[in-house]
Amino acid sequence: MFDVTIIGGGVIGAAIARELARYRLSVVLLERKSDVAEGTTKANSAIIHAGYDAKPGSQKARTNVAGNALFEGWCAELDVPFRRNTSLVVAFSDDDLPGLEDLVARGRENGVPGLSLIDEAELRRREPNIGPKARGALLAETGGICCPYELTISLATHALLNGAEIRLNTPVTAVRRENGVFVCQTPQGPVASRALVNAAGVYADTINNQLSEDTFTITARRGEYLMLDKRFGPAFQATIFQMPTPMGKGVLITPTVEDTVILGPTAEDIEDKDDVRTTAGGLDQVLRVAALSWPQIPTRHFITAFAGLRAHCDRNDFILGEAADVPGLFNAAGIESPGLTAAPAIAVELAGQVADRLSAGKKDSFKPPYATRKPFRLMNQAERETAVAADPAYGRIICRCESVPEAEILEAIRRPLGATTLDGVKRRARAGMGRCQGGFCAPRVLELLSRELGVPQTELTKFGGASRILCGTLGEMPEPQPRAGQERTGETHA
């Protein structure tokens, strides 16, 4: 039996696992998918919010501001990309200007530093590509950007190095509490623990409502995005927001830490909690709304589209802490925006509460994070020559779009909590993230995965489950049958 079970391997679950690993506790994290960061965490805006939008006094407001203050230090410790690029909420009519003043007042009530209003001239000086209807903006100096999946992988790996257990491909099909012990039923068998942390994302209501009479409902809110090639990374320095709506913070335009540009998201409540398809209507909406901020969107240079789900709770706030009627059940539920920003604060707080409940003290020592190497694409010429001399695998470029050598793909597979899928390699080494989206490098990455894992290429997947890339080999494929009225002649026609 474990001391603590965490359900969910997104940024919240991984962050809590890392913080719990500081204590004298046995911890296991259960993730239903093939990797951590496979749900909401991999498909969001990657924004570190300042905290001006959340309702004063709410859990969102409190943990947003606290998490923002912790974020830069966490990323530095874990060697995860982070940039405090600032945020701008732009008024596109004179009628919007009072709304900016309201946001400033709300932000100051929340304790957000670095808020100010700037006029149109200053806005255009900062962002010359902003649309012609812009009249002014709210400047939030503490706004930032990061890489959510890199952060989550690093947090989960750090937890693993400090004794936590990470079980992937382990869905929780039912949960019960017997004689003060929580039992999670999984296809691999039951997992028992003294405490349970519910960080199950869009399924957090399912977990809570099996145990507690204080029920709530999570609705999956789908958001669709478009991504531009990195040649347009300099188009905007800040994250550009339009005025927020009751459905969210609206369609934004933001650079990423890898210098691509994201446009989106939409906001559509859906019934299927696994439906992350993109739609023509949704992507058209992103383009139409984003054009107000950037009329000259280079539509011929999108490299991918994607969708993610936000866990919208019927209480319109995060649900955090121990359930009043179920001692030992700790919720981190309803985590939508600004959940990424709030993750450090939520993790520190909940880990402390769990440790107090179990009367656990901190360990005498805590191992440092997994040490990553400087990416080849960021090395100067001298550093590249040194790397190739030390390891010839650095001289074999597998992903040309992102300049990823074989050595970095092998590292992504061999490292603790290493990749077992194409997407796992992509999120650890960026192979397949560029202009061709894996069109060139995927066959070579499959070869390396197959060799390193000892798994036939036909068994490998894009992201686990039924997402196999290959259906067989040429020698195994059935002969095509001639159509009716047509005979096989053996002739080849050019």
Protein backbone atom coordinates (compact mmCIF):
# COMPACT_ATOMS: atom_id res chain seq x y z
CA MET A 1 0.00 0.00 0.00
CA PHE A 2 1.15 3.52 -0.82
CA ASP A 3 0.83 6.57 1.35
CA VAL A 4 -0.52 8.70 -1.52
CA THR A 5 -2.04 7.98 -4.92
CA ILE A 6 -2.27 10.81 -7.45
CA ILE A 7 -4.72 10.37 -10.31
CA GLY A 8 -3.66 12.36 -13.37
CA GLY A 9 -0.32 13.04 -15.03
CA GLY A 10 -0.88 16.57 -16.29
CA VAL A 11 1.01 19.57 -15.00
CA ILE A 12 -1.04 19.66 -11.79
CA GLY A 13 -0.57 15.97 -10.97
CA ALA A 14 3.12 16.03 -11.86
CA ALA A 15 3.73 19.18 -9.82
CA ILE A 16 1.99 17.68 -6.79
CA ALA A 17 3.99 14.46 -7.21
CA ARG A 18 7.24 16.43 -7.24
CA GLU A 19 6.29 18.38 -4.11
CA LEU A 20 5.08 15.25 -2.27
CA ALA A 21 8.39 13.56 -3.11
CA ARG A 22 10.03 16.02 -0.70
CA TYR A 23 8.30 14.24 2.19
CA ARG A 24 8.79 10.84 3.81
CA LEU A 25 5.90 9.40 1.85
CA SER A 26 5.45 6.63 -0.71
CA VAL A 27 3.79 8.20 -3.73
CA VAL A 28 2.37 6.72 -6.93
CA LEU A 29 0.97 8.68 -9.88
CA LEU A 30 -1.53 6.94 -12.16
CA GLU A 31 -1.91 8.24 -15.72
CA ARG A 32 -4.34 6.63 -18.14
CA LYS A 33 -2.45 7.62 -21.28
CA SER A 34 0.95 6.58 -22.63
CA ASP A 35 2.82 9.59 -21.29
CA VAL A 36 2.51 12.46 -18.88
CA ALA A 37 1.27 15.76 -20.33
CA GLU A 38 -1.00 13.94 -22.80
CA GLY A 39 -4.22 15.79 -21.98
CA THR A 40 -4.99 19.46 -21.39
CA THR A 41 -1.33 20.13 -20.59
CA LYS A 42 -0.09 19.45 -24.11
CA ALA A 43 -2.73 21.57 -25.88
CA ASN A 44 -3.20 24.99 -24.34
CA SER A 45 -1.99 28.55 -24.80
CA ALA A 46 1.20 28.09 -22.71
CA ILE A 47 0.58 31.45 -21.04
CA ILE A 48 1.73 32.46 -17.58
CA HIS A 49 -1.07 34.81 -16.61
CA ALA A 50 -0.55 37.92 -14.51
CA GLY A 51 -3.80 37.45 -12.57
CA TYR A 52 -5.92 40.50 -13.42
CA ASP A 53 -8.88 38.55 -14.84
CA ALA A 54 -9.83 36.18 -12.02
CA LYS A 55 -12.60 37.14 -9.61
CA PRO A 56 -11.16 38.68 -6.44
CA GLY A 57 -11.29 36.30 -3.51
CA SER A 58 -11.50 33.20 -5.72
CA GLN A 59 -9.14 30.25 -5.68
CA LYS A 60 -8.21 31.17 -9.24
CA ALA A 61 -7.15 34.67 -8.24
CA ARG A 62 -5.20 33.56 -5.18
CA THR A 63 -3.28 30.70 -6.80
CA ASN A 64 -2.71 32.60 -10.06
CA VAL A 65 -0.82 35.42 -8.38
CA ALA A 66 1.07 33.05 -6.07
CA GLY A 67 1.91 30.67 -8.92
CA ASN A 68 3.12 33.48 -11.16
CA ALA A 69 5.57 34.54 -8.45
CA LEU A 70 6.96 30.99 -8.21
CA PHE A 71 7.03 30.16 -11.90
CA GLU A 72 10.29 31.69 -13.04
CA GLY A 73 12.20 30.03 -10.21
CA TRP A 74 10.65 26.64 -10.93
CA CYS A 75 11.55 26.85 -14.61
CA ALA A 76 15.12 27.93 -13.81
CA GLU A 77 15.53 25.04 -11.36
CA LEU A 78 14.19 22.51 -13.87
CA ASP A 79 15.95 24.09 -16.89
CA VAL A 80 12.64 24.59 -18.69
CA PRO A 81 12.18 27.48 -21.17
CA PHE A 82 10.41 30.52 -19.75
CA ARG A 83 10.13 34.12 -20.91
CA ARG A 84 8.44 37.04 -19.19
CA ASN A 85 7.29 38.59 -22.45
CA THR A 86 4.46 40.67 -20.86
CA SER A 87 0.77 40.59 -21.76
CA LEU A 88 -1.40 43.19 -23.46
CA VAL A 89 -5.19 43.31 -23.30
CA VAL A 90 -6.10 45.48 -26.27
CA ALA A 91 -9.15 47.73 -26.58
CA PHE A 92 -10.33 47.82 -30.19
CA SER A 93 -12.95 50.51 -29.66
CA ASP A 94 -13.50 53.43 -27.34
CA ASP A 95 -16.26 51.40 -25.72
CA ASP A 96 -13.65 48.86 -24.56
CA LEU A 97 -11.52 51.41 -22.70
CA PRO A 98 -13.59 51.41 -19.47
CA GLY A 99 -13.26 47.63 -19.45
CA LEU A 100 -9.48 47.99 -19.29
CA GLU A 101 -9.82 50.22 -16.25
CA ASP A 102 -12.00 47.58 -14.62
CA LEU A 103 -9.34 44.92 -15.29
CA VAL A 104 -6.65 47.11 -13.74
CA ALA A 105 -8.79 47.62 -10.64
CA ARG A 106 -9.53 43.91 -10.41
CA GLY A 107 -5.87 43.02 -10.86
CA ARG A 108 -4.76 45.40 -8.14
CA GLU A 109 -7.38 43.95 -5.81
CA ASN A 110 -5.87 40.54 -6.57
CA GLY A 111 -2.41 41.84 -5.69
CA VAL A 112 -1.00 41.78 -9.22
CA PRO A 113 2.09 43.98 -9.62
CA GLY A 114 3.16 45.77 -12.78
CA LEU A 115 -0.23 46.76 -14.22
CA SER A 116 -0.69 49.95 -16.22
CA LEU A 117 -2.73 51.44 -19.04
CA ILE A 118 -0.92 52.49 -22.21
CA ASP A 119 -2.25 54.67 -24.99
CA GLU A 120 -2.44 53.88 -28.68
CA ALA A 121 0.91 55.47 -29.49
CA GLU A 122 2.76 53.42 -26.87
CA LEU A 123 0.91 50.28 -27.93
CA ARG A 124 1.97 50.74 -31.55
CA ARG A 125 5.53 51.48 -30.50
CA ARG A 126 5.61 48.18 -28.66
CA GLU A 127 3.63 46.15 -31.20
CA PRO A 128 3.76 47.69 -34.70
CA ASN A 129 1.75 44.79 -36.19
CA ILE A 130 -1.31 45.43 -34.03
CA GLY A 131 -4.55 46.02 -35.96
CA PRO A 132 -5.65 49.52 -37.02
CA LYS A 133 -8.68 49.57 -34.69
CA ALA A 134 -6.57 49.32 -31.53
CA ARG A 135 -7.13 52.26 -29.15
CA GLY A 136 -5.03 51.35 -26.12
CA ALA A 137 -4.17 48.44 -23.87
CA LEU A 138 -3.66 47.08 -20.40
CA LEU A 139 0.01 46.20 -19.94
CA ALA A 140 0.74 43.34 -17.52
CA GLU A 141 4.47 43.20 -16.96
CA THR A 142 4.38 39.87 -15.11
CA GLY A 143 2.77 37.99 -18.01
CA GLY A 144 4.92 35.24 -19.49
CA ILE A 145 5.18 32.14 -21.65
CA CYS A 146 6.60 28.68 -21.05
CA CYS A 147 6.53 25.13 -22.42
CA PRO A 148 3.85 23.22 -20.47
CA TYR A 149 4.76 19.71 -21.60
CA GLU A 150 8.50 20.20 -20.97
CA LEU A 151 7.64 21.50 -17.51
CA THR A 152 5.41 18.51 -16.79
CA ILE A 153 7.96 15.96 -18.02
CA SER A 154 10.64 17.62 -15.90
CA LEU A 155 8.41 17.68 -12.81
CA ALA A 156 7.40 14.04 -13.19
CA THR A 157 11.02 13.01 -13.79
CA HIS A 158 12.13 14.92 -10.69
CA ALA A 159 9.45 13.15 -8.67
CA LEU A 160 10.62 9.81 -10.08
CA LEU A 161 14.25 10.51 -9.16
CA ASN A 162 13.12 11.21 -5.60
CA GLY A 163 11.24 7.97 -5.12
CA ALA A 164 7.79 8.55 -6.56
CA GLU A 165 6.40 5.88 -8.86
CA ILE A 166 4.91 6.87 -12.24
CA ARG A 167 2.53 4.35 -13.81
CA LEU A 168 1.53 5.12 -17.38
CA ASN A 169 -1.22 3.38 -19.38
CA THR A 170 -3.03 2.91 -16.06
CA PRO A 171 -6.60 4.24 -16.18
CA VAL A 172 -8.58 4.33 -12.95
CA THR A 173 -11.86 2.59 -13.72
CA ALA A 174 -13.37 2.91 -10.24
CA VAL A 175 -12.41 4.20 -6.81
CA ARG A 176 -13.71 3.40 -3.34
CA ARG A 177 -12.80 3.98 0.30
CA GLU A 178 -12.78 1.03 2.69
CA ASN A 179 -11.82 1.30 6.36
CA GLY A 180 -10.01 4.56 5.71
CA VAL A 181 -8.07 3.18 2.72
CA PHE A 182 -8.57 4.40 -0.84
CA VAL A 183 -8.61 1.70 -3.52
CA CYS A 184 -8.22 2.65 -7.18
CA GLN A 185 -9.27 -0.10 -9.54
CA THR A 186 -7.14 -0.33 -12.71
CA PRO A 187 -6.77 -2.93 -15.48
CA GLN A 188 -3.47 -3.89 -13.86
CA GLY A 189 -5.09 -4.46 -10.47
CA PRO A 190 -6.05 -2.42 -7.41
CA VAL A 191 -3.87 0.37 -6.03
CA ALA A 192 -4.37 1.15 -2.34
CA SER A 193 -3.28 4.23 -0.41
CA ARG A 194 -3.90 6.22 2.75
CA ALA A 195 -4.60 9.44 0.83
CA LEU A 196 -5.85 10.22 -2.67
CA VAL A 197 -5.12 13.29 -4.78
CA ASN A 198 -7.66 13.86 -7.54
CA ALA A 199 -5.95 15.69 -10.42
CA ALA A 200 -7.88 13.89 -13.15
CA GLY A 201 -8.61 16.90 -15.35
CA VAL A 202 -11.89 16.63 -17.24
CA TYR A 203 -12.64 13.41 -15.33
CA ALA A 204 -12.07 14.88 -11.86
CA ASP A 205 -15.83 14.96 -11.23
CA THR A 206 -16.07 11.23 -11.93
CA ILE A 207 -13.44 10.49 -9.29
CA ASN A 208 -14.80 12.89 -6.65
CA ASN A 209 -18.43 11.92 -7.10
CA GLN A 210 -17.70 8.23 -6.41
CA LEU A 211 -16.37 9.16 -2.97
CA SER A 212 -17.98 12.39 -1.81
CA GLU A 213 -21.55 13.60 -1.42
CA ASP A 214 -20.30 17.11 -2.19
CA THR A 215 -20.56 16.54 -5.93
CA PHE A 216 -19.71 18.78 -8.84
CA THR A 217 -19.77 18.61 -12.63
CA ILE A 218 -16.90 19.14 -15.06
CA THR A 219 -17.73 20.15 -18.64
CA ALA A 220 -15.12 19.67 -21.34
CA ARG A 221 -14.61 23.00 -23.08
CA ARG A 222 -12.78 22.51 -26.37
CA GLY A 223 -10.40 25.14 -27.67
CA GLU A 224 -8.94 25.04 -31.19
CA TYR A 225 -5.63 26.59 -32.17
CA LEU A 226 -3.50 27.38 -35.20
CA MET A 227 0.29 27.54 -35.15
CA LEU A 228 2.53 29.60 -37.43
CA ASP A 229 6.04 28.76 -38.53
CA LYS A 230 8.87 30.18 -36.45
CA ARG A 231 9.83 32.68 -39.14
CA PHE A 232 6.93 34.76 -37.77
CA GLY A 233 8.02 34.47 -34.15
CA PRO A 234 9.11 38.15 -34.03
CA ALA A 235 5.68 39.41 -35.18
CA PHE A 236 4.67 40.13 -31.57
CA GLN A 237 6.74 40.45 -28.44
CA ALA A 238 3.86 40.34 -25.94
CA THR A 239 0.91 38.01 -25.68
CA ILE A 240 -1.99 39.86 -27.33
CA PHE A 241 -5.40 39.42 -25.71
CA GLN A 242 -8.74 40.84 -26.73
CA MET A 243 -11.29 41.73 -24.06
CA PRO A 244 -12.27 38.62 -22.02
CA THR A 245 -15.74 37.07 -22.20
CA PRO A 246 -17.71 34.79 -19.85
CA MET A 247 -16.42 31.80 -21.87
CA GLY A 248 -12.75 32.64 -21.35
CA LYS A 249 -9.98 35.04 -22.19
CA GLY A 250 -10.87 35.08 -25.88
CA VAL A 251 -8.75 34.50 -28.97
CA LEU A 252 -5.15 35.49 -28.36
CA ILE A 253 -1.98 35.75 -30.39
CA THR A 254 1.21 34.78 -28.63
CA PRO A 255 4.79 33.90 -29.41
CA THR A 256 6.02 30.65 -27.90
CA VAL A 257 9.31 29.98 -26.17
CA GLU A 258 10.33 28.06 -29.30
CA ASP A 259 9.57 31.11 -31.50
CA THR A 260 6.48 29.81 -33.26
CA VAL A 261 3.21 31.75 -32.96
CA ILE A 262 -0.09 30.45 -31.57
CA LEU A 263 -3.54 31.80 -32.46
CA GLY A 264 -6.61 30.73 -30.48
CA PRO A 265 -8.46 29.27 -28.73
CA THR A 266 -12.13 28.89 -29.46
CA ALA A 267 -14.44 27.91 -26.58
CA GLU A 268 -17.01 25.19 -27.22
CA ASP A 269 -18.64 23.06 -24.53
CA ILE A 270 -18.84 19.44 -25.66
CA GLU A 271 -20.16 16.16 -24.24
CA ASP A 272 -17.33 13.83 -25.31
CA LYS A 273 -14.45 14.36 -22.89
CA ASP A 274 -11.96 12.87 -25.34
CA ASP A 275 -12.99 14.85 -28.43
CA VAL A 276 -9.95 16.88 -29.43
CA ARG A 277 -10.61 17.08 -33.15
CA THR A 278 -10.21 20.34 -35.00
CA THR A 279 -13.04 21.64 -37.17
CA ALA A 280 -13.26 23.87 -40.21
CA GLY A 281 -15.70 26.13 -38.39
CA GLY A 282 -13.51 26.41 -35.33
CA LEU A 283 -10.37 27.27 -37.25
CA ASP A 284 -12.28 29.77 -39.38
CA GLN A 285 -13.45 31.40 -36.16
CA VAL A 286 -9.86 31.66 -34.87
CA LEU A 287 -8.78 33.38 -38.08
CA ARG A 288 -11.77 35.70 -38.17
CA VAL A 289 -11.44 36.87 -34.57
CA ALA A 290 -7.63 37.01 -34.53
CA ALA A 291 -7.69 39.23 -37.63
CA LEU A 292 -8.90 42.08 -35.43
CA SER A 293 -5.56 41.93 -33.62
CA TRP A 294 -3.47 41.08 -36.69
CA PRO A 295 -5.12 41.79 -40.06
CA GLN A 296 -2.09 40.57 -42.02
CA ILE A 297 -2.05 37.01 -40.64
CA PRO A 298 0.18 34.99 -43.03
CA THR A 299 -2.35 32.23 -43.59
CA ARG A 300 -0.10 30.31 -46.01
CA HIS A 301 2.40 29.60 -43.25
CA PHE A 302 0.46 27.63 -40.65
CA ILE A 303 2.32 24.43 -39.82
CA THR A 304 -0.32 22.70 -37.69
CA ALA A 305 -3.68 22.97 -35.96
CA PHE A 306 -4.64 21.35 -32.68
CA ALA A 307 -7.32 21.32 -30.01
CA GLY A 308 -7.34 20.88 -26.26
CA LEU A 309 -9.95 20.52 -23.54
CA ARG A 310 -10.39 22.74 -20.51
CA ALA A 311 -11.98 21.31 -17.36
CA HIS A 312 -14.75 23.82 -16.69
CA CYS A 313 -16.43 23.31 -13.33
CA ASP A 314 -20.03 24.24 -12.59
CA ARG A 315 -18.75 26.15 -9.55
CA ASN A 316 -16.77 28.51 -11.79
CA ASP A 317 -13.65 28.15 -9.69
CA PHE A 318 -10.90 25.71 -8.81
CA ILE A 319 -11.84 23.08 -6.22
CA LEU A 320 -8.80 22.67 -4.01
CA GLY A 321 -8.04 20.85 -0.81
CA GLU A 322 -9.44 18.09 1.35
CA ALA A 323 -13.06 17.08 0.90
CA ALA A 324 -15.04 17.96 4.02
CA ASP A 325 -16.85 14.62 4.12
CA VAL A 326 -14.00 12.33 2.97
CA PRO A 327 -10.83 12.63 5.07
CA GLY A 328 -7.78 11.96 2.92
CA LEU A 329 -9.39 12.90 -0.41
CA PHE A 330 -7.68 15.97 -1.83
CA ASN A 331 -9.10 17.62 -4.93
CA ALA A 332 -7.32 19.68 -7.54
CA ALA A 333 -10.35 19.91 -9.80
CA GLY A 334 -11.90 22.31 -12.28
CA ILE A 335 -8.41 23.36 -13.33
CA GLU A 336 -8.92 25.51 -16.40
CA SER A 337 -7.18 28.82 -17.11
CA PRO A 338 -5.14 30.02 -15.21
CA GLY A 339 -4.33 26.47 -14.10
CA LEU A 340 -0.88 26.28 -15.67
CA THR A 341 0.17 29.49 -13.94
CA ALA A 342 -1.32 28.34 -10.65
CA ALA A 343 0.30 24.88 -10.75
CA PRO A 344 3.30 25.67 -8.51
CA ALA A 345 1.12 27.29 -5.85
CA ILE A 346 -1.47 24.51 -5.98
CA ALA A 347 1.23 21.83 -5.72
CA VAL A 348 3.04 23.35 -2.76
CA GLU A 349 -0.24 23.95 -0.92
CA LEU A 350 -1.80 20.52 -1.51
CA ALA A 351 1.42 18.64 -0.82
CA GLY A 352 1.66 20.40 2.51
CA GLN A 353 -1.95 19.55 3.34
CA VAL A 354 -1.45 15.88 2.46
CA ALA A 355 1.74 15.71 4.51
CA ASP A 356 -0.06 17.27 7.48
CA ARG A 357 -2.93 14.79 7.18
CA LEU A 358 -0.44 11.87 7.17
CA SER A 359 1.89 13.44 9.77
CA ALA A 360 4.84 13.21 7.38
CA GLY A 361 8.00 15.26 7.68
CA LYS A 362 10.37 16.31 4.94
CA LYS A 363 13.27 14.12 3.84
CA ASP A 364 16.78 14.98 4.92
CA SER A 365 17.87 15.22 1.28
CA PHE A 366 16.22 15.89 -2.05
CA LYS A 367 17.94 14.93 -5.29
CA PRO A 368 18.37 17.65 -7.92
CA PRO A 369 16.38 17.61 -11.18
CA TYR A 370 17.47 15.55 -14.15
CA ALA A 371 20.26 17.43 -15.90
CA THR A 372 19.44 18.18 -19.52
CA ARG A 373 22.01 19.12 -22.14
CA LYS A 374 21.95 22.29 -24.18
CA PRO A 375 19.98 21.56 -27.37
CA PHE A 376 22.08 21.26 -30.52
CA ARG A 377 19.91 23.87 -32.25
CA LEU A 378 20.93 26.44 -29.61
CA MET A 379 24.66 25.66 -29.68
CA ASN A 380 27.17 27.91 -31.38
CA GLN A 381 29.54 26.44 -33.95
CA ALA A 382 32.31 25.72 -31.46
CA GLU A 383 29.89 23.95 -29.11
CA ARG A 384 28.55 21.85 -31.98
CA GLU A 385 32.03 20.79 -33.03
CA THR A 386 32.81 19.79 -29.45
CA ALA A 387 29.57 17.81 -29.19
CA VAL A 388 30.19 15.94 -32.45
CA ALA A 389 33.78 15.15 -31.46
CA ALA A 390 32.57 13.69 -28.16
CA ASP A 391 29.66 11.77 -29.70
CA PRO A 392 29.39 11.22 -33.48
CA ALA A 393 25.61 10.79 -33.09
CA TYR A 394 25.46 14.58 -32.77
CA GLY A 395 26.65 14.75 -36.37
CA ARG A 396 23.67 12.82 -37.72
CA ILE A 397 20.74 15.24 -38.04
CA ILE A 398 17.44 13.35 -37.93
CA CYS A 399 14.99 16.28 -37.83
CA ARG A 400 16.11 18.97 -40.25
CA CYS A 401 13.36 21.45 -39.42
CA GLU A 402 14.42 21.67 -35.77
CA SER A 403 18.08 20.58 -36.15
CA VAL A 404 17.65 17.57 -33.87
CA PRO A 405 20.54 15.09 -34.02
CA GLU A 406 20.36 11.37 -33.37
CA ALA A 407 22.09 11.88 -30.02
CA GLU A 408 19.18 13.96 -28.69
CA ILE A 409 16.59 11.45 -29.84
CA LEU A 410 18.49 8.67 -28.10
CA GLU A 411 18.65 10.81 -24.98
CA ALA A 412 14.88 11.36 -25.15
CA ILE A 413 14.35 7.59 -25.21
CA ARG A 414 17.01 6.54 -22.68
CA ARG A 415 16.46 9.21 -20.02
CA PRO A 416 14.37 8.55 -16.91
CA LEU A 417 10.70 8.61 -17.90
CA GLY A 418 11.89 8.30 -21.48
CA ALA A 419 9.83 8.43 -24.67
CA THR A 420 8.09 5.32 -25.99
CA THR A 421 6.06 6.97 -28.77
CA LEU A 422 6.60 9.40 -31.63
CA ASP A 423 4.88 12.16 -29.70
CA GLY A 424 6.96 11.34 -26.64
CA VAL A 425 10.13 11.95 -28.65
CA LYS A 426 8.61 15.11 -30.12
CA ARG A 427 7.88 16.60 -26.72
CA ARG A 428 11.31 15.74 -25.32
CA ALA A 429 13.54 16.51 -28.31
CA ARG A 430 11.33 18.53 -30.74
CA ALA A 431 11.81 16.06 -33.58
CA GLY A 432 8.63 16.48 -35.64
CA MET A 433 7.72 19.91 -34.25
CA GLY A 434 8.83 21.92 -37.26
CA ARG A 435 7.58 22.88 -40.70
CA CYS A 436 7.11 19.37 -42.05
CA GLN A 437 5.59 18.04 -38.79
CA GLY A 438 7.57 14.81 -38.93
CA GLY A 439 7.17 14.15 -42.64
CA PHE A 440 10.92 13.80 -43.04
CA CYS A 441 12.12 12.52 -39.67
CA ALA A 442 9.33 10.18 -38.52
CA PRO A 443 10.70 7.05 -40.28
CA ARG A 444 14.13 7.52 -38.70
CA VAL A 445 12.62 8.22 -35.28
CA LEU A 446 10.60 5.01 -35.58
CA GLU A 447 13.80 3.10 -36.39
CA LEU A 448 15.52 4.49 -33.30
CA LEU A 449 12.53 3.81 -31.05
CA SER A 450 12.31 0.25 -32.36
CA ARG A 451 16.02 -0.39 -31.84
CA GLU A 452 16.19 1.16 -28.37
CA LEU A 453 12.96 -0.32 -27.00
CA GLY A 454 13.24 -3.70 -28.71
CA VAL A 455 9.76 -3.27 -30.18
CA PRO A 456 8.88 -3.90 -33.86
CA GLN A 457 8.13 -0.71 -35.77
CA THR A 458 4.67 -2.05 -36.56
CA GLU A 459 3.90 -2.04 -32.82
CA LEU A 460 4.99 1.55 -32.21
CA THR A 461 2.42 4.32 -31.90
CA LYS A 462 2.09 8.06 -32.27
CA PHE A 463 0.59 8.58 -28.81
CA GLY A 464 -0.28 5.14 -27.43
CA GLY A 465 -3.47 3.12 -27.72
CA ALA A 466 -4.59 2.38 -31.27
CA SER A 467 -2.48 5.14 -32.87
CA ARG A 468 -0.10 2.80 -34.69
CA ILE A 469 1.89 4.38 -37.48
CA LEU A 470 2.49 1.27 -39.60
CA CYS A 471 -0.03 -1.47 -40.38
CA GLY A 472 2.50 -4.05 -41.56
CA THR A 473 5.44 -4.66 -43.87
CA LEU A 474 5.35 -4.91 -47.64
CA GLY A 475 5.97 -8.64 -47.52
CA GLU A 476 2.95 -9.10 -45.28
CA MET A 477 0.52 -6.98 -47.24
CA PRO A 478 -2.13 -8.81 -49.28
CA GLU A 479 -1.93 -8.58 -53.04
CA PRO A 480 -4.34 -5.97 -54.43
CA GLN A 481 -7.22 -7.57 -56.27
CA PRO A 482 -8.16 -6.42 -59.81
CA ARG A 483 -11.45 -4.62 -60.16
CA ALA A 484 -14.38 -6.42 -61.75
CA GLY A 485 -13.91 -6.82 -65.49
CA GLN A 486 -10.19 -6.14 -65.26
CA GLU A 487 -7.43 -8.74 -65.65
CA ARG A 488 -3.97 -8.62 -64.16
CA THR A 489 -1.51 -8.24 -67.05
CA GLY A 490 1.77 -7.68 -65.26
CA GLU A 491 2.32 -4.50 -67.27
CA THR A 492 3.47 -1.33 -65.61
CA HIS A 493 2.20 1.98 -66.93
CA ALA A 494 4.00 5.22 -66.24
